[in-house]
Amino acid sequence: MISLTNKTSIITGTSSGMGLAATQLFLKLGATVYGVDISPVPSTLPTHDRFHFHQLDLRDKGSPAAVVHACQRTFGPRIDVLLNVAGVMDGFHSVDSMDPAAWERVLAVNLTVPALLAGEVVRVFRQQQQPGGNIVNVSSRAGLSGAVAGAAYTASKHGLIGLTRNIAWRFHKEGIRCNAICPGGFNTGIMHSVDMSRLDQAALETVMPVQALHSTGDLKTMPQPGEAANLMAFLASDAAKEINGAIVPIDRAWGTI
């Protein structure tokens, strides 16, 4: 089994889905976790001396820096891992039907916040006594395809892949790794972030045949968040020390088509 003992980790999206599963797994594997979410801490996360929860909206000005500084005040100056997990879905809107405010919201949560958080932790990684650290970004199958989601979500997840690769190369000589995972359809509840009454039905119909190649829509047979958490834990561990700049699908071969 891999170990994350003594690795101080900031995890966004802690309250549900992959962020919750990753938080639970990281604690099990020995990590110290500073969890962040706009929603309250779930009851499934018990009180733990290696866990602290911070509820806030990371889109608020100064929030990424505030989270990093608060983590250091809580657990000490060193930070080893950032998991950028938090994300929101769009309503499958194409460019001619999307609301500019919805575009800004999706891009802010899915791309701008991860970039700003990465910038804050990279500064810490470079300056700490033993330089180095690890970022894992949660992109999506939509980061590798234009045929599975709306314009805003697709653009945000493509952008996150570009960000991942840029960080990996820019700092690869400084002991800093950055990788991304690209989940297919998982039972995470991300669709709760969508106003179902405002879906772009015409655009949705164009992606449904592609979606159907991957999932029947039955929640009982969909991959569970814990499977993605396992991959994030591996990439965050020393067992993956030679993996940097990788974009890793986890989609039951959906990405092969």
Protein backbone atom coordinates (compact mmCIF):
# COMPACT_ATOMS: atom_id res chain seq x y z
CA MET A 1 0.00 0.00 0.00
CA ILE A 2 1.21 3.50 -0.75
CA SER A 3 1.84 5.91 2.11
CA LEU A 4 1.10 9.59 2.45
CA THR A 5 2.41 9.82 6.00
CA ASN A 6 3.53 13.32 6.99
CA LYS A 7 2.33 14.85 3.72
CA THR A 8 0.39 18.03 4.39
CA SER A 9 -2.27 18.28 1.71
CA ILE A 10 -4.75 20.95 0.67
CA ILE A 11 -7.85 19.40 -0.91
CA THR A 12 -10.65 21.41 -2.51
CA GLY A 13 -14.18 20.10 -2.92
CA THR A 14 -13.89 18.26 0.39
CA SER A 15 -17.60 18.11 1.15
CA SER A 16 -18.72 15.74 -1.60
CA GLY A 17 -17.83 13.44 -4.47
CA MET A 18 -14.18 12.93 -5.35
CA GLY A 19 -12.99 15.58 -2.91
CA LEU A 20 -14.69 13.82 -0.01
CA ALA A 21 -13.40 10.42 -1.12
CA ALA A 22 -9.88 11.80 -1.51
CA THR A 23 -9.99 13.42 1.93
CA GLN A 24 -11.08 10.16 3.56
CA LEU A 25 -8.42 8.16 1.72
CA PHE A 26 -5.61 10.64 2.38
CA LEU A 27 -6.37 10.57 6.10
CA LYS A 28 -6.39 6.78 6.02
CA LEU A 29 -2.99 6.79 4.31
CA GLY A 30 -1.45 9.07 6.93
CA ALA A 31 -1.71 12.51 5.33
CA THR A 32 -2.55 15.72 7.12
CA VAL A 33 -5.46 17.34 5.27
CA TYR A 34 -6.61 20.94 5.05
CA GLY A 35 -10.01 20.61 3.41
CA VAL A 36 -11.79 23.43 1.60
CA ASP A 37 -15.34 23.69 0.27
CA ILE A 38 -18.09 26.24 -0.25
CA SER A 39 -20.50 23.77 1.42
CA PRO A 40 -20.44 22.73 5.09
CA VAL A 41 -18.28 19.88 6.30
CA PRO A 42 -20.16 16.56 5.95
CA SER A 43 -20.91 14.40 8.96
CA THR A 44 -19.00 11.56 7.29
CA LEU A 45 -15.76 13.39 8.10
CA PRO A 46 -15.22 12.84 11.83
CA THR A 47 -13.08 15.07 14.02
CA HIS A 48 -9.43 14.23 13.42
CA ASP A 49 -6.23 15.86 14.66
CA ARG A 50 -4.82 15.63 11.12
CA PHE A 51 -7.83 17.29 9.51
CA HIS A 52 -9.03 20.87 9.43
CA PHE A 53 -11.98 22.16 7.42
CA HIS A 54 -12.27 25.65 5.95
CA GLN A 55 -15.62 26.70 4.48
CA LEU A 56 -15.38 29.54 1.96
CA ASP A 57 -15.92 30.50 -1.66
CA LEU A 58 -12.56 30.24 -3.39
CA ARG A 59 -13.77 32.68 -6.05
CA ASP A 60 -13.66 35.50 -3.50
CA LYS A 61 -10.72 37.84 -3.93
CA GLY A 62 -7.72 36.73 -1.90
CA SER A 63 -9.24 33.36 -0.94
CA PRO A 64 -6.55 31.12 -2.52
CA ALA A 65 -3.78 32.94 -0.65
CA ALA A 66 -5.85 32.95 2.54
CA VAL A 67 -6.31 29.17 2.36
CA VAL A 68 -2.59 28.52 1.94
CA HIS A 69 -1.67 30.85 4.81
CA ALA A 70 -4.35 29.34 7.04
CA CYS A 71 -3.07 25.84 6.29
CA GLN A 72 0.42 26.91 7.33
CA ARG A 73 -0.87 28.48 10.54
CA THR A 74 -2.78 25.29 11.35
CA PHE A 75 -0.27 22.59 10.43
CA GLY A 76 3.07 24.36 10.06
CA PRO A 77 4.97 25.96 7.18
CA ARG A 78 5.40 22.93 4.95
CA ILE A 79 2.87 21.99 2.26
CA ASP A 80 3.41 18.84 0.19
CA VAL A 81 0.29 18.34 -1.92
CA LEU A 82 -2.50 20.31 -3.57
CA LEU A 83 -5.51 18.48 -4.96
CA ASN A 84 -7.62 20.76 -7.16
CA VAL A 85 -10.84 18.74 -7.10
CA ALA A 86 -13.68 21.26 -6.77
CA GLY A 87 -15.64 21.81 -9.95
CA VAL A 88 -19.01 22.70 -11.40
CA MET A 89 -20.83 21.57 -14.52
CA ASP A 90 -22.48 23.69 -17.18
CA GLY A 91 -25.92 23.16 -18.70
CA PHE A 92 -24.49 21.66 -21.89
CA HIS A 93 -24.87 25.08 -23.53
CA SER A 94 -23.15 25.73 -26.84
CA VAL A 95 -21.50 29.09 -27.54
CA ASP A 96 -24.63 30.54 -29.13
CA SER A 97 -26.89 29.75 -26.19
CA MET A 98 -24.73 30.13 -23.09
CA ASP A 99 -25.21 32.87 -20.53
CA PRO A 100 -22.04 34.98 -20.03
CA ALA A 101 -22.49 34.79 -16.26
CA ALA A 102 -22.61 30.99 -16.42
CA TRP A 103 -19.46 30.96 -18.55
CA GLU A 104 -17.67 33.13 -15.99
CA ARG A 105 -18.82 30.93 -13.10
CA VAL A 106 -17.66 27.68 -14.71
CA LEU A 107 -14.31 29.12 -15.80
CA ALA A 108 -13.75 30.68 -12.38
CA VAL A 109 -14.38 27.50 -10.41
CA ASN A 110 -12.85 25.00 -12.82
CA LEU A 111 -9.81 26.92 -14.07
CA THR A 112 -9.09 30.27 -12.43
CA VAL A 113 -9.28 29.02 -8.85
CA PRO A 114 -7.04 25.98 -9.54
CA ALA A 115 -4.52 28.27 -11.26
CA LEU A 116 -4.45 30.75 -8.40
CA LEU A 117 -4.18 28.02 -5.78
CA ALA A 118 -1.38 26.39 -7.75
CA GLY A 119 0.45 29.70 -7.88
CA GLU A 120 0.21 30.08 -4.12
CA VAL A 121 1.42 26.56 -3.33
CA VAL A 122 4.22 26.66 -5.91
CA ARG A 123 5.63 29.70 -4.12
CA VAL A 124 5.60 27.64 -0.92
CA PHE A 125 7.06 24.58 -2.67
CA ARG A 126 10.02 26.61 -3.97
CA GLN A 127 10.80 28.35 -0.68
CA GLN A 128 10.40 25.62 1.90
CA GLN A 129 13.41 24.06 3.60
CA GLN A 130 13.25 20.96 1.43
CA PRO A 131 11.92 22.38 -1.85
CA GLY A 132 9.36 20.45 -3.83
CA GLY A 133 5.73 19.45 -3.87
CA ASN A 134 2.96 17.88 -5.84
CA ILE A 135 -0.21 19.11 -7.55
CA VAL A 136 -2.97 16.86 -8.87
CA ASN A 137 -5.68 18.54 -10.94
CA VAL A 138 -9.03 16.94 -11.69
CA SER A 139 -9.78 17.59 -15.34
CA SER A 140 -12.32 15.46 -17.22
CA ARG A 141 -13.03 13.46 -20.32
CA ALA A 142 -14.33 16.84 -21.48
CA GLY A 143 -10.76 18.09 -21.27
CA LEU A 144 -9.84 15.71 -24.08
CA SER A 145 -12.99 15.85 -26.20
CA GLY A 146 -15.35 18.44 -27.57
CA ALA A 147 -18.29 16.05 -27.72
CA VAL A 148 -19.27 15.28 -24.12
CA ALA A 149 -20.23 18.56 -22.42
CA GLY A 150 -21.10 22.19 -23.00
CA ALA A 151 -18.77 24.92 -24.23
CA ALA A 152 -17.86 26.37 -20.83
CA TYR A 153 -17.13 23.07 -19.11
CA THR A 154 -15.19 21.79 -22.12
CA ALA A 155 -13.08 24.95 -22.32
CA SER A 156 -12.38 24.95 -18.59
CA LYS A 157 -11.22 21.35 -18.52
CA HIS A 158 -9.08 21.74 -21.66
CA GLY A 159 -7.54 24.76 -19.99
CA LEU A 160 -6.78 22.80 -16.84
CA ILE A 161 -4.83 20.26 -18.89
CA GLY A 162 -2.78 23.05 -20.44
CA LEU A 163 -2.14 24.51 -17.01
CA THR A 164 -1.03 21.11 -15.72
CA ARG A 165 1.50 20.66 -18.50
CA ASN A 166 2.85 24.18 -18.15
CA ILE A 167 3.41 23.84 -14.40
CA ALA A 168 5.02 20.43 -14.82
CA TRP A 169 7.57 21.62 -17.36
CA ARG A 170 8.27 25.01 -15.81
CA PHE A 171 9.20 23.56 -12.41
CA HIS A 172 10.34 20.02 -13.26
CA LYS A 173 13.91 20.74 -12.16
CA GLU A 174 12.77 21.98 -8.76
CA GLY A 175 11.16 18.81 -7.40
CA ILE A 176 7.66 20.00 -8.26
CA ARG A 177 5.27 17.62 -10.00
CA CYS A 178 1.91 18.40 -11.55
CA ASN A 179 -0.40 15.80 -13.06
CA ALA A 180 -4.06 15.66 -14.02
CA ILE A 181 -6.68 12.94 -14.04
CA CYS A 182 -9.50 12.86 -16.59
CA PRO A 183 -12.51 11.05 -15.15
CA GLY A 184 -15.37 9.89 -17.30
CA GLY A 185 -18.85 9.72 -15.82
CA PHE A 186 -18.67 9.16 -12.05
CA ASN A 187 -21.36 9.06 -9.40
CA THR A 188 -20.30 12.35 -7.80
CA GLY A 189 -23.40 14.53 -7.80
CA ILE A 190 -21.75 17.23 -9.95
CA MET A 191 -25.02 17.61 -11.86
CA HIS A 192 -26.46 19.14 -8.69
CA SER A 193 -24.50 22.25 -9.69
CA VAL A 194 -26.66 22.57 -12.82
CA ASP A 195 -30.03 24.30 -13.11
CA MET A 196 -31.83 21.42 -14.81
CA SER A 197 -34.64 23.73 -15.95
CA ARG A 198 -32.18 25.63 -18.15
CA LEU A 199 -30.42 22.83 -20.02
CA ASP A 200 -29.60 23.39 -23.68
CA GLN A 201 -31.65 20.45 -24.92
CA ALA A 202 -30.55 20.77 -28.55
CA ALA A 203 -26.87 20.75 -27.59
CA LEU A 204 -27.45 17.93 -25.10
CA GLU A 205 -28.93 15.76 -27.83
CA THR A 206 -25.71 16.06 -29.85
CA VAL A 207 -23.55 14.71 -27.02
CA MET A 208 -25.91 12.00 -25.76
CA PRO A 209 -24.82 9.41 -28.37
CA VAL A 210 -21.22 9.87 -27.22
CA GLN A 211 -22.25 9.75 -23.56
CA ALA A 212 -24.17 6.53 -24.22
CA LEU A 213 -20.99 4.79 -25.36
CA HIS A 214 -19.66 5.20 -21.82
CA SER A 215 -22.54 4.96 -19.38
CA THR A 216 -26.08 3.67 -19.15
CA GLY A 217 -26.91 6.35 -16.60
CA ASP A 218 -27.48 3.72 -13.89
CA LEU A 219 -25.88 5.12 -10.72
CA LYS A 220 -25.38 1.60 -9.36
CA THR A 221 -23.01 0.69 -12.20
CA MET A 222 -21.21 4.03 -12.50
CA PRO A 223 -17.65 4.33 -11.19
CA GLN A 224 -17.54 5.59 -7.62
CA PRO A 225 -15.50 8.56 -6.34
CA GLY A 226 -13.21 6.28 -4.38
CA GLU A 227 -11.75 4.93 -7.62
CA ALA A 228 -10.64 8.41 -8.64
CA ALA A 229 -9.34 9.02 -5.12
CA ASN A 230 -7.10 5.96 -5.43
CA LEU A 231 -5.52 7.43 -8.56
CA MET A 232 -5.04 10.83 -6.94
CA ALA A 233 -3.40 9.23 -3.92
CA PHE A 234 -0.99 7.30 -6.12
CA LEU A 235 -0.03 10.39 -8.10
CA ALA A 236 0.48 12.33 -4.85
CA SER A 237 2.70 9.63 -3.37
CA ASP A 238 6.41 8.98 -3.72
CA ALA A 239 5.52 5.86 -5.70
CA ALA A 240 4.77 8.21 -8.61
CA LYS A 241 7.91 10.34 -8.23
CA GLU A 242 8.86 9.93 -11.91
CA ILE A 243 5.40 10.87 -13.19
CA ASN A 244 5.15 14.54 -14.07
CA GLY A 245 2.96 16.31 -16.60
CA ALA A 246 0.84 13.20 -17.14
CA ILE A 247 -2.79 13.43 -18.21
CA VAL A 248 -4.36 10.21 -16.96
CA PRO A 249 -7.81 9.07 -18.16
CA ILE A 250 -9.94 7.07 -15.76
CA ASP A 251 -12.94 6.30 -17.91
CA ARG A 252 -13.28 2.58 -18.70
CA ALA A 253 -11.65 3.10 -22.13
CA TRP A 254 -14.10 5.83 -23.14
CA GLY A 255 -11.14 7.98 -24.11
CA THR A 256 -10.00 5.50 -26.74
CA ILE A 257 -12.71 6.58 -29.16
